[in-house]
Amino acid sequence: MIHTMHYFYLSLVLCAALSLTFLTACKKKLSDEPIEVREAAQIDKIFHFRSKYVSDRTIRVWTPKGYSSAKNYDVLYMHDGNMLFDAATTWNHQEWGVDEAMDSLINLGVIRPTIVVGIDNTSKRINEYCPDDIVEYLPDGKTPYEGFELLGNNYLRFIVEELKPYIDSVYATYPEREHTWVMGSSCGGLISSYALCKYPDIFGGAACLSTHSTLAYPDPEKPDSAVMEAYRLYLQHHLPAPNTCLLYMDNGDQTLDANYLHSQAAINDMLRSEGWDEEHFMYRFFPGAAHTENDWKTRIPIPLTFLLAQ
């Protein structure tokens, strides 16, 4: 009996020792994994990124010079990803110049090294960039876009539930809201402000350039006051509490931007009356600026610095 108990306890000790050896080996293996370092800035293209909420699309992930998997980075999610980096491949031969702007600002020490995730648009761009829930503030039977299926909620679920977890698992990111940002122009400005309302625990701030605050496509030159008011009321009731996040908005006064002067001014007045201060809400007006990528390119350092300042 004594010998039996002796062997029993000896077996337990041996099992424990083997387990400890196995765990130590596993930890050593993990620690021995090579650290990825990218000497130059790089754009990774992920083709046909699958989603159960929206159609497949290309995702373009820009990593800054010196990117290292041993560090962590903020992440900026940008709409219209196919218009951000290369004018040679865009329909109008214009681009935002995001990579050049990021490179310059990071090199100058103005902003934090940050990963940019460009989300390509599709033929359903307007559907996906529309803030569905503003229908709560519209007269019965009225919709923001006549004849269009509203897919804004599905598009944001795609970003939050599918794309962001993928980016956080593959790249060296800070996943918290204070390191997660969203930016877009025109209807991309609409969905960026909407993202801040729908997911205040995910996004710490939004930049909305030339926000298409008139909605009512396909006749933007005849804006519908009820739709504009619905968008403003939605923001008033659903944005995070004043000064708990960052919000940037701007517009020019040429081409489509000329139609935003009244509606954007009403939004600015509302936000200031709600108590938003200049540290957390920035509005800029650019006389002579039109509704084009070239114009957004000239001023993109301003919202980038606002969101990502060192």
C-alpha atoms as a PDB file:
ATOM      1  CA  MET A   1       0.000   0.000   0.000  1.00  0.00           C
ATOM      2  CA  ILE A   2       2.848   2.371   0.884  1.00  0.00           C
ATOM      3  CA  HIS A   3       4.581   1.589  -2.385  1.00  0.00           C
ATOM      4  CA  THR A   4       1.329   2.154  -4.311  1.00  0.00           C
ATOM      5  CA  MET A   5       0.814   5.607  -2.768  1.00  0.00           C
ATOM      6  CA  HIS A   6       4.485   6.429  -3.378  1.00  0.00           C
ATOM      7  CA  TYR A   7       4.151   5.665  -7.078  1.00  0.00           C
ATOM      8  CA  PHE A   8       0.846   7.562  -7.256  1.00  0.00           C
ATOM      9  CA  TYR A   9       2.385  10.757  -5.858  1.00  0.00           C
ATOM     10  CA  LEU A  10       5.490  10.279  -7.989  1.00  0.00           C
ATOM     11  CA  SER A  11       3.247  10.089 -11.058  1.00  0.00           C
ATOM     12  CA  LEU A  12       1.552  13.345 -10.072  1.00  0.00           C
ATOM     13  CA  VAL A  13       4.919  15.056  -9.691  1.00  0.00           C
ATOM     14  CA  LEU A  14       6.103  13.773 -13.061  1.00  0.00           C
ATOM     15  CA  CYS A  15       2.868  14.900 -14.775  1.00  0.00           C
ATOM     16  CA  ALA A  16       3.186  18.344 -13.218  1.00  0.00           C
ATOM     17  CA  ALA A  17       6.813  18.591 -14.323  1.00  0.00           C
ATOM     18  CA  LEU A  18       5.957  17.529 -17.869  1.00  0.00           C
ATOM     19  CA  SER A  19       3.099  20.042 -18.001  1.00  0.00           C
ATOM     20  CA  LEU A  20       5.393  22.814 -16.788  1.00  0.00           C
ATOM     21  CA  THR A  21       7.990  21.840 -19.391  1.00  0.00           C
ATOM     22  CA  PHE A  22       5.327  21.875 -22.122  1.00  0.00           C
ATOM     23  CA  LEU A  23       4.008  25.315 -21.105  1.00  0.00           C
ATOM     24  CA  THR A  24       7.528  26.698 -20.909  1.00  0.00           C
ATOM     25  CA  ALA A  25       8.261  25.378 -24.388  1.00  0.00           C
ATOM     26  CA  CYS A  26       5.054  26.924 -25.727  1.00  0.00           C
ATOM     27  CA  LYS A  27       5.894  30.288 -24.217  1.00  0.00           C
ATOM     28  CA  LYS A  28       9.406  30.075 -25.628  1.00  0.00           C
ATOM     29  CA  LYS A  29       8.016  29.286 -29.067  1.00  0.00           C
ATOM     30  CA  LEU A  30       5.692  32.274 -28.929  1.00  0.00           C
ATOM     31  CA  SER A  31       8.441  34.586 -27.742  1.00  0.00           C
ATOM     32  CA  ASP A  32      10.709  33.317 -30.515  1.00  0.00           C
ATOM     33  CA  GLU A  33       8.284  34.313 -33.276  1.00  0.00           C
ATOM     34  CA  PRO A  34       9.979  36.887 -35.522  1.00  0.00           C
ATOM     35  CA  ILE A  35       9.016  40.509 -35.083  1.00  0.00           C
ATOM     36  CA  GLU A  36       7.782  42.033 -38.318  1.00  0.00           C
ATOM     37  CA  VAL A  37       9.402  45.354 -39.185  1.00  0.00           C
ATOM     38  CA  ARG A  38       8.611  47.311 -42.332  1.00  0.00           C
ATOM     39  CA  GLU A  39      11.294  49.785 -43.269  1.00  0.00           C
ATOM     40  CA  ALA A  40       9.063  51.622 -45.745  1.00  0.00           C
ATOM     41  CA  ALA A  41       5.385  52.546 -45.662  1.00  0.00           C
ATOM     42  CA  GLN A  42       3.278  49.855 -47.300  1.00  0.00           C
ATOM     43  CA  ILE A  43      -0.250  49.258 -48.574  1.00  0.00           C
ATOM     44  CA  ASP A  44      -1.637  45.738 -48.159  1.00  0.00           C
ATOM     45  CA  LYS A  45      -4.613  44.963 -50.402  1.00  0.00           C
ATOM     46  CA  ILE A  46      -7.143  42.432 -49.191  1.00  0.00           C
ATOM     47  CA  PHE A  47      -9.318  41.474 -52.147  1.00  0.00           C
ATOM     48  CA  HIS A  48     -12.896  40.233 -51.791  1.00  0.00           C
ATOM     49  CA  PHE A  49     -13.100  40.738 -48.036  1.00  0.00           C
ATOM     50  CA  ARG A  50     -16.164  38.705 -47.105  1.00  0.00           C
ATOM     51  CA  SER A  51     -19.082  39.989 -45.041  1.00  0.00           C
ATOM     52  CA  LYS A  52     -22.487  38.676 -44.049  1.00  0.00           C
ATOM     53  CA  TYR A  53     -23.842  42.237 -43.904  1.00  0.00           C
ATOM     54  CA  VAL A  54     -22.664  43.882 -47.151  1.00  0.00           C
ATOM     55  CA  SER A  55     -21.142  42.860 -50.469  1.00  0.00           C
ATOM     56  CA  ASP A  56     -17.507  41.805 -50.739  1.00  0.00           C
ATOM     57  CA  ARG A  57     -14.936  44.526 -51.377  1.00  0.00           C
ATOM     58  CA  THR A  58     -11.253  45.396 -51.379  1.00  0.00           C
ATOM     59  CA  ILE A  59      -9.651  46.652 -48.155  1.00  0.00           C
ATOM     60  CA  ARG A  60      -6.432  48.697 -48.352  1.00  0.00           C
ATOM     61  CA  VAL A  61      -4.306  48.773 -45.206  1.00  0.00           C
ATOM     62  CA  TRP A  62      -1.592  51.431 -45.081  1.00  0.00           C
ATOM     63  CA  THR A  63       1.142  50.900 -42.498  1.00  0.00           C
ATOM     64  CA  PRO A  64       3.635  53.681 -41.700  1.00  0.00           C
ATOM     65  CA  LYS A  65       7.370  53.591 -42.260  1.00  0.00           C
ATOM     66  CA  GLY A  66       9.055  51.624 -39.490  1.00  0.00           C
ATOM     67  CA  TYR A  67       5.896  49.667 -38.658  1.00  0.00           C
ATOM     68  CA  SER A  68       6.783  46.968 -36.129  1.00  0.00           C
ATOM     69  CA  SER A  69       4.630  44.169 -34.768  1.00  0.00           C
ATOM     70  CA  ALA A  70       6.369  44.773 -31.431  1.00  0.00           C
ATOM     71  CA  LYS A  71       4.589  48.139 -31.093  1.00  0.00           C
ATOM     72  CA  ASN A  72       0.948  49.211 -31.132  1.00  0.00           C
ATOM     73  CA  TYR A  73      -0.742  51.718 -33.405  1.00  0.00           C
ATOM     74  CA  ASP A  74      -3.878  53.817 -33.645  1.00  0.00           C
ATOM     75  CA  VAL A  75      -6.202  52.875 -36.508  1.00  0.00           C
ATOM     76  CA  LEU A  76      -8.034  55.286 -38.813  1.00  0.00           C
ATOM     77  CA  TYR A  77     -10.887  53.743 -40.812  1.00  0.00           C
ATOM     78  CA  MET A  78     -11.603  55.650 -44.027  1.00  0.00           C
ATOM     79  CA  HIS A  79     -14.443  55.233 -46.509  1.00  0.00           C
ATOM     80  CA  ASP A  80     -14.031  55.384 -50.303  1.00  0.00           C
ATOM     81  CA  GLY A  81     -10.762  53.477 -49.928  1.00  0.00           C
ATOM     82  CA  ASN A  82     -10.315  53.242 -53.685  1.00  0.00           C
ATOM     83  CA  MET A  83     -10.027  57.068 -53.848  1.00  0.00           C
ATOM     84  CA  LEU A  84      -7.401  57.542 -51.130  1.00  0.00           C
ATOM     85  CA  PHE A  85      -3.988  56.537 -52.431  1.00  0.00           C
ATOM     86  CA  ASP A  86      -3.520  56.372 -56.210  1.00  0.00           C
ATOM     87  CA  ALA A  87      -4.962  58.840 -58.743  1.00  0.00           C
ATOM     88  CA  ALA A  88      -3.850  56.555 -61.583  1.00  0.00           C
ATOM     89  CA  THR A  89      -6.546  54.032 -60.628  1.00  0.00           C
ATOM     90  CA  THR A  90      -9.465  56.325 -59.679  1.00  0.00           C
ATOM     91  CA  TRP A  91     -12.389  57.129 -61.972  1.00  0.00           C
ATOM     92  CA  ASN A  92     -11.636  60.878 -61.998  1.00  0.00           C
ATOM     93  CA  HIS A  93      -7.827  60.637 -61.744  1.00  0.00           C
ATOM     94  CA  GLN A  94      -7.874  62.349 -58.357  1.00  0.00           C
ATOM     95  CA  GLU A  95      -6.929  61.068 -54.897  1.00  0.00           C
ATOM     96  CA  TRP A  96      -6.859  62.184 -51.278  1.00  0.00           C
ATOM     97  CA  GLY A  97      -3.095  61.696 -51.001  1.00  0.00           C
ATOM     98  CA  VAL A  98      -3.561  60.035 -47.614  1.00  0.00           C
ATOM     99  CA  ASP A  99      -0.248  58.171 -47.724  1.00  0.00           C
ATOM    100  CA  GLU A 100       1.778  61.306 -48.490  1.00  0.00           C
ATOM    101  CA  ALA A 101      -0.048  63.340 -45.849  1.00  0.00           C
ATOM    102  CA  MET A 102       0.415  60.649 -43.189  1.00  0.00           C
ATOM    103  CA  ASP A 103       4.093  60.225 -44.063  1.00  0.00           C
ATOM    104  CA  SER A 104       4.746  63.940 -43.808  1.00  0.00           C
ATOM    105  CA  LEU A 105       2.861  64.497 -40.549  1.00  0.00           C
ATOM    106  CA  ILE A 106       4.417  61.449 -38.867  1.00  0.00           C
ATOM    107  CA  ASN A 107       7.921  62.428 -39.986  1.00  0.00           C
ATOM    108  CA  LEU A 108       7.398  65.928 -38.580  1.00  0.00           C
ATOM    109  CA  GLY A 109       6.242  64.458 -35.263  1.00  0.00           C
ATOM    110  CA  VAL A 110       2.857  66.167 -35.609  1.00  0.00           C
ATOM    111  CA  ILE A 111       0.728  63.019 -35.384  1.00  0.00           C
ATOM    112  CA  ARG A 112       1.103  59.555 -33.888  1.00  0.00           C
ATOM    113  CA  PRO A 113       2.199  56.700 -36.170  1.00  0.00           C
ATOM    114  CA  THR A 114      -1.147  55.294 -37.294  1.00  0.00           C
ATOM    115  CA  ILE A 115      -2.515  52.517 -39.500  1.00  0.00           C
ATOM    116  CA  VAL A 116      -5.020  53.642 -42.146  1.00  0.00           C
ATOM    117  CA  VAL A 117      -7.687  51.158 -43.273  1.00  0.00           C
ATOM    118  CA  GLY A 118      -9.234  52.215 -46.577  1.00  0.00           C
ATOM    119  CA  ILE A 119     -12.606  50.559 -47.235  1.00  0.00           C
ATOM    120  CA  ASP A 120     -13.470  50.500 -50.938  1.00  0.00           C
ATOM    121  CA  ASN A 121     -16.904  51.673 -51.952  1.00  0.00           C
ATOM    122  CA  THR A 122     -19.255  49.662 -54.188  1.00  0.00           C
ATOM    123  CA  SER A 123     -22.170  50.307 -56.516  1.00  0.00           C
ATOM    124  CA  LYS A 124     -24.271  50.631 -53.336  1.00  0.00           C
ATOM    125  CA  ARG A 125     -22.131  53.441 -51.925  1.00  0.00           C
ATOM    126  CA  ILE A 126     -25.056  55.795 -51.241  1.00  0.00           C
ATOM    127  CA  ASN A 127     -27.115  53.017 -49.654  1.00  0.00           C
ATOM    128  CA  GLU A 128     -24.258  52.013 -47.360  1.00  0.00           C
ATOM    129  CA  TYR A 129     -23.312  55.553 -46.367  1.00  0.00           C
ATOM    130  CA  CYS A 130     -26.847  56.622 -45.415  1.00  0.00           C
ATOM    131  CA  PRO A 131     -27.698  56.983 -41.700  1.00  0.00           C
ATOM    132  CA  ASP A 132     -30.775  54.735 -41.600  1.00  0.00           C
ATOM    133  CA  ASP A 133     -32.079  55.805 -38.223  1.00  0.00           C
ATOM    134  CA  ILE A 134     -32.779  59.410 -39.177  1.00  0.00           C
ATOM    135  CA  VAL A 135     -36.111  58.103 -40.483  1.00  0.00           C
ATOM    136  CA  GLU A 136     -37.238  58.413 -36.838  1.00  0.00           C
ATOM    137  CA  TYR A 137     -37.227  62.172 -37.352  1.00  0.00           C
ATOM    138  CA  LEU A 138     -38.892  62.253 -40.781  1.00  0.00           C
ATOM    139  CA  PRO A 139     -42.603  62.574 -41.571  1.00  0.00           C
ATOM    140  CA  ASP A 140     -44.344  59.220 -42.037  1.00  0.00           C
ATOM    141  CA  GLY A 141     -43.542  57.620 -45.347  1.00  0.00           C
ATOM    142  CA  LYS A 142     -40.534  59.827 -46.083  1.00  0.00           C
ATOM    143  CA  THR A 143     -37.045  58.414 -46.564  1.00  0.00           C
ATOM    144  CA  PRO A 144     -33.624  60.102 -46.788  1.00  0.00           C
ATOM    145  CA  TYR A 145     -33.089  58.790 -50.327  1.00  0.00           C
ATOM    146  CA  GLU A 146     -36.148  58.049 -52.437  1.00  0.00           C
ATOM    147  CA  GLY A 147     -35.996  54.605 -54.010  1.00  0.00           C
ATOM    148  CA  PHE A 148     -32.832  53.512 -52.196  1.00  0.00           C
ATOM    149  CA  GLU A 149     -32.493  50.609 -49.767  1.00  0.00           C
ATOM    150  CA  LEU A 150     -30.901  51.927 -46.580  1.00  0.00           C
ATOM    151  CA  LEU A 151     -27.802  49.915 -45.674  1.00  0.00           C
ATOM    152  CA  GLY A 152     -25.935  52.216 -43.297  1.00  0.00           C
ATOM    153  CA  ASN A 153     -26.596  50.030 -40.258  1.00  0.00           C
ATOM    154  CA  ASN A 154     -25.379  46.931 -42.094  1.00  0.00           C
ATOM    155  CA  TYR A 155     -22.274  48.743 -43.323  1.00  0.00           C
ATOM    156  CA  LEU A 156     -21.338  49.823 -39.796  1.00  0.00           C
ATOM    157  CA  ARG A 157     -21.942  46.320 -38.463  1.00  0.00           C
ATOM    158  CA  PHE A 158     -19.549  45.070 -41.139  1.00  0.00           C
ATOM    159  CA  ILE A 159     -16.861  47.491 -39.915  1.00  0.00           C
ATOM    160  CA  VAL A 160     -17.394  46.933 -36.196  1.00  0.00           C
ATOM    161  CA  GLU A 161     -18.164  43.204 -36.086  1.00  0.00           C
ATOM    162  CA  GLU A 162     -16.064  41.877 -38.977  1.00  0.00           C
ATOM    163  CA  LEU A 163     -13.427  44.278 -40.297  1.00  0.00           C
ATOM    164  CA  LYS A 164     -12.159  45.765 -37.025  1.00  0.00           C
ATOM    165  CA  PRO A 165     -11.689  42.362 -35.317  1.00  0.00           C
ATOM    166  CA  TYR A 166      -9.733  41.208 -38.369  1.00  0.00           C
ATOM    167  CA  ILE A 167      -7.495  44.298 -38.377  1.00  0.00           C
ATOM    168  CA  ASP A 168      -6.902  44.005 -34.628  1.00  0.00           C
ATOM    169  CA  SER A 169      -5.942  40.338 -34.991  1.00  0.00           C
ATOM    170  CA  VAL A 170      -3.567  40.740 -37.946  1.00  0.00           C
ATOM    171  CA  TYR A 171      -1.949  44.109 -37.227  1.00  0.00           C
ATOM    172  CA  ALA A 172      -0.359  45.578 -34.104  1.00  0.00           C
ATOM    173  CA  THR A 173      -3.135  47.892 -32.978  1.00  0.00           C
ATOM    174  CA  TYR A 174      -4.484  49.582 -29.907  1.00  0.00           C
ATOM    175  CA  PRO A 175      -8.101  48.311 -30.073  1.00  0.00           C
ATOM    176  CA  GLU A 176      -9.579  50.802 -27.591  1.00  0.00           C
ATOM    177  CA  ARG A 177     -11.914  53.624 -28.644  1.00  0.00           C
ATOM    178  CA  GLU A 178      -9.386  56.315 -27.770  1.00  0.00           C
ATOM    179  CA  HIS A 179      -7.174  54.885 -30.517  1.00  0.00           C
ATOM    180  CA  THR A 180      -9.872  54.157 -33.130  1.00  0.00           C
ATOM    181  CA  TRP A 181     -11.031  56.801 -35.614  1.00  0.00           C
ATOM    182  CA  VAL A 182     -13.253  57.156 -38.674  1.00  0.00           C
ATOM    183  CA  MET A 183     -13.131  59.617 -41.586  1.00  0.00           C
ATOM    184  CA  GLY A 184     -14.931  60.280 -44.842  1.00  0.00           C
ATOM    185  CA  SER A 185     -16.183  62.928 -47.242  1.00  0.00           C
ATOM    186  CA  SER A 186     -19.577  63.756 -48.720  1.00  0.00           C
ATOM    187  CA  CYS A 187     -21.820  60.759 -47.941  1.00  0.00           C
ATOM    188  CA  GLY A 188     -18.717  59.321 -46.268  1.00  0.00           C
ATOM    189  CA  GLY A 189     -19.002  62.263 -43.876  1.00  0.00           C
ATOM    190  CA  LEU A 190     -22.578  61.246 -43.115  1.00  0.00           C
ATOM    191  CA  ILE A 191     -21.668  57.673 -42.255  1.00  0.00           C
ATOM    192  CA  SER A 192     -18.653  58.820 -40.203  1.00  0.00           C
ATOM    193  CA  SER A 193     -20.799  61.025 -37.969  1.00  0.00           C
ATOM    194  CA  TYR A 194     -23.363  58.219 -37.823  1.00  0.00           C
ATOM    195  CA  ALA A 195     -20.655  55.757 -36.713  1.00  0.00           C
ATOM    196  CA  LEU A 196     -19.829  58.055 -33.805  1.00  0.00           C
ATOM    197  CA  CYS A 197     -23.501  58.007 -32.782  1.00  0.00           C
ATOM    198  CA  LYS A 198     -24.115  54.284 -33.228  1.00  0.00           C
ATOM    199  CA  TYR A 199     -20.822  53.048 -31.765  1.00  0.00           C
ATOM    200  CA  PRO A 200     -19.489  55.588 -29.249  1.00  0.00           C
ATOM    201  CA  ASP A 201     -17.734  52.752 -27.424  1.00  0.00           C
ATOM    202  CA  ILE A 202     -15.799  51.825 -30.583  1.00  0.00           C
ATOM    203  CA  PHE A 203     -14.843  55.168 -32.165  1.00  0.00           C
ATOM    204  CA  GLY A 204     -13.131  57.970 -30.280  1.00  0.00           C
ATOM    205  CA  GLY A 205     -13.674  60.537 -32.994  1.00  0.00           C
ATOM    206  CA  ALA A 206     -14.812  61.241 -36.544  1.00  0.00           C
ATOM    207  CA  ALA A 207     -13.726  63.590 -39.314  1.00  0.00           C
ATOM    208  CA  CYS A 208     -16.452  64.555 -41.777  1.00  0.00           C
ATOM    209  CA  LEU A 209     -15.305  66.548 -44.824  1.00  0.00           C
ATOM    210  CA  SER A 210     -17.901  68.219 -47.057  1.00  0.00           C
ATOM    211  CA  THR A 211     -20.609  66.272 -45.258  1.00  0.00           C
ATOM    212  CA  HIS A 212     -23.571  65.715 -47.589  1.00  0.00           C
ATOM    213  CA  SER A 213     -25.951  67.129 -45.001  1.00  0.00           C
ATOM    214  CA  THR A 214     -28.663  67.880 -47.584  1.00  0.00           C
ATOM    215  CA  LEU A 215     -29.167  64.171 -48.380  1.00  0.00           C
ATOM    216  CA  ALA A 216     -32.262  63.799 -50.631  1.00  0.00           C
ATOM    217  CA  TYR A 217     -30.269  62.289 -53.494  1.00  0.00           C
ATOM    218  CA  PRO A 218     -30.597  62.243 -56.538  1.00  0.00           C
ATOM    219  CA  ASP A 219     -31.430  65.960 -56.625  1.00  0.00           C
ATOM    220  CA  PRO A 220     -28.888  67.526 -54.231  1.00  0.00           C
ATOM    221  CA  GLU A 221     -29.441  70.994 -55.686  1.00  0.00           C
ATOM    222  CA  LYS A 222     -32.987  70.970 -54.303  1.00  0.00           C
ATOM    223  CA  PRO A 223     -32.378  69.967 -50.698  1.00  0.00           C
ATOM    224  CA  ASP A 224     -35.319  68.843 -48.597  1.00  0.00           C
ATOM    225  CA  SER A 225     -35.536  70.848 -45.376  1.00  0.00           C
ATOM    226  CA  ALA A 226     -37.283  67.970 -43.573  1.00  0.00           C
ATOM    227  CA  VAL A 227     -34.418  65.599 -44.370  1.00  0.00           C
ATOM    228  CA  MET A 228     -31.759  68.125 -43.362  1.00  0.00           C
ATOM    229  CA  GLU A 229     -33.564  68.768 -40.085  1.00  0.00           C
ATOM    230  CA  ALA A 230     -33.911  65.021 -39.448  1.00  0.00           C
ATOM    231  CA  TYR A 231     -30.147  64.549 -39.779  1.00  0.00           C
ATOM    232  CA  ARG A 232     -29.435  67.487 -37.468  1.00  0.00           C
ATOM    233  CA  LEU A 233     -31.951  66.250 -34.879  1.00  0.00           C
ATOM    234  CA  TYR A 234     -30.496  62.762 -35.037  1.00  0.00           C
ATOM    235  CA  LEU A 235     -27.028  64.138 -34.289  1.00  0.00           C
ATOM    236  CA  GLN A 236     -28.393  66.267 -31.472  1.00  0.00           C
ATOM    237  CA  HIS A 237     -30.048  63.306 -29.781  1.00  0.00           C
ATOM    238  CA  HIS A 238     -27.523  60.549 -30.478  1.00  0.00           C
ATOM    239  CA  LEU A 239     -24.002  61.975 -30.523  1.00  0.00           C
ATOM    240  CA  PRO A 240     -21.951  61.107 -27.428  1.00  0.00           C
ATOM    241  CA  ALA A 241     -22.120  63.620 -24.593  1.00  0.00           C
ATOM    242  CA  PRO A 242     -20.417  66.907 -25.510  1.00  0.00           C
ATOM    243  CA  ASN A 243     -16.628  66.876 -25.236  1.00  0.00           C
ATOM    244  CA  THR A 244     -16.345  63.121 -24.660  1.00  0.00           C
ATOM    245  CA  CYS A 245     -15.010  62.470 -28.183  1.00  0.00           C
ATOM    246  CA  LEU A 246     -13.624  64.371 -31.175  1.00  0.00           C
ATOM    247  CA  LEU A 247     -15.676  65.634 -34.116  1.00  0.00           C
ATOM    248  CA  TYR A 248     -14.335  67.502 -37.149  1.00  0.00           C
ATOM    249  CA  MET A 249     -16.564  68.971 -39.887  1.00  0.00           C
ATOM    250  CA  ASP A 250     -15.871  71.286 -42.826  1.00  0.00           C
ATOM    251  CA  ASN A 251     -17.091  72.444 -46.220  1.00  0.00           C
ATOM    252  CA  GLY A 252     -16.245  74.682 -49.150  1.00  0.00           C
ATOM    253  CA  ASP A 253     -18.623  76.831 -51.173  1.00  0.00           C
ATOM    254  CA  GLN A 254     -18.237  75.549 -54.735  1.00  0.00           C
ATOM    255  CA  THR A 255     -20.055  72.798 -56.687  1.00  0.00           C
ATOM    256  CA  LEU A 256     -21.976  70.497 -54.286  1.00  0.00           C
ATOM    257  CA  ASP A 257     -20.408  72.141 -51.250  1.00  0.00           C
ATOM    258  CA  ALA A 258     -22.331  75.321 -52.057  1.00  0.00           C
ATOM    259  CA  ASN A 259     -25.517  73.476 -51.026  1.00  0.00           C
ATOM    260  CA  TYR A 260     -24.232  72.710 -47.522  1.00  0.00           C
ATOM    261  CA  LEU A 261     -23.805  76.235 -46.196  1.00  0.00           C
ATOM    262  CA  HIS A 262     -27.216  76.519 -44.520  1.00  0.00           C
ATOM    263  CA  SER A 263     -27.503  72.933 -43.205  1.00  0.00           C
ATOM    264  CA  GLN A 264     -23.929  72.813 -41.918  1.00  0.00           C
ATOM    265  CA  ALA A 265     -24.333  76.183 -40.192  1.00  0.00           C
ATOM    266  CA  ALA A 266     -27.405  74.817 -38.398  1.00  0.00           C
ATOM    267  CA  ILE A 267     -25.417  71.779 -37.250  1.00  0.00           C
ATOM    268  CA  ASN A 268     -22.581  73.993 -36.018  1.00  0.00           C
ATOM    269  CA  ASP A 269     -25.002  76.170 -34.042  1.00  0.00           C
ATOM    270  CA  MET A 270     -26.649  73.111 -32.535  1.00  0.00           C
ATOM    271  CA  LEU A 271     -23.359  71.578 -31.419  1.00  0.00           C
ATOM    272  CA  ARG A 272     -22.127  74.791 -29.844  1.00  0.00           C
ATOM    273  CA  SER A 273     -25.437  75.317 -28.065  1.00  0.00           C
ATOM    274  CA  GLU A 274     -25.143  71.766 -26.716  1.00  0.00           C
ATOM    275  CA  GLY A 275     -21.820  72.719 -25.114  1.00  0.00           C
ATOM    276  CA  TRP A 276     -19.220  71.352 -27.530  1.00  0.00           C
ATOM    277  CA  ASP A 277     -15.965  73.281 -27.117  1.00  0.00           C
ATOM    278  CA  GLU A 278     -13.299  73.976 -29.747  1.00  0.00           C
ATOM    279  CA  GLU A 279     -10.982  71.342 -28.332  1.00  0.00           C
ATOM    280  CA  HIS A 280     -13.484  68.606 -29.169  1.00  0.00           C
ATOM    281  CA  PHE A 281     -15.466  70.049 -32.096  1.00  0.00           C
ATOM    282  CA  MET A 282     -13.610  71.699 -34.961  1.00  0.00           C
ATOM    283  CA  TYR A 283     -15.366  73.295 -37.921  1.00  0.00           C
ATOM    284  CA  ARG A 284     -13.503  74.833 -40.838  1.00  0.00           C
ATOM    285  CA  PHE A 285     -14.822  76.742 -43.856  1.00  0.00           C
ATOM    286  CA  PHE A 286     -12.764  76.803 -47.058  1.00  0.00           C
ATOM    287  CA  PRO A 287     -13.857  79.564 -49.468  1.00  0.00           C
ATOM    288  CA  GLY A 288     -13.375  78.544 -53.077  1.00  0.00           C
ATOM    289  CA  ALA A 289     -13.115  74.825 -52.271  1.00  0.00           C
ATOM    290  CA  ALA A 290     -15.185  72.400 -54.321  1.00  0.00           C
ATOM    291  CA  HIS A 291     -16.513  68.875 -53.795  1.00  0.00           C
ATOM    292  CA  THR A 292     -13.471  67.002 -55.106  1.00  0.00           C
ATOM    293  CA  GLU A 293     -10.669  64.740 -53.953  1.00  0.00           C
ATOM    294  CA  ASN A 294      -8.152  67.385 -54.971  1.00  0.00           C
ATOM    295  CA  ASP A 295      -9.755  69.854 -52.561  1.00  0.00           C
ATOM    296  CA  TRP A 296      -9.914  67.315 -49.727  1.00  0.00           C
ATOM    297  CA  LYS A 297      -6.269  66.489 -50.405  1.00  0.00           C
ATOM    298  CA  THR A 298      -5.192  70.086 -49.805  1.00  0.00           C
ATOM    299  CA  ARG A 299      -6.764  70.206 -46.351  1.00  0.00           C
ATOM    300  CA  ILE A 300      -6.543  66.630 -45.065  1.00  0.00           C
ATOM    301  CA  PRO A 301      -3.608  67.487 -42.748  1.00  0.00           C
ATOM    302  CA  ILE A 302      -6.051  69.533 -40.646  1.00  0.00           C
ATOM    303  CA  PRO A 303      -8.453  66.707 -39.671  1.00  0.00           C
ATOM    304  CA  LEU A 304      -5.584  64.218 -39.415  1.00  0.00           C
ATOM    305  CA  THR A 305      -3.840  66.473 -36.929  1.00  0.00           C
ATOM    306  CA  PHE A 306      -7.084  67.103 -35.047  1.00  0.00           C
ATOM    307  CA  LEU A 307      -7.682  63.369 -34.517  1.00  0.00           C
ATOM    308  CA  LEU A 308      -4.133  62.043 -34.229  1.00  0.00           C
ATOM    309  CA  ALA A 309      -2.046  64.843 -32.694  1.00  0.00           C
ATOM    310  CA  GLN A 310       0.921  63.730 -30.586  1.00  0.00           C
END
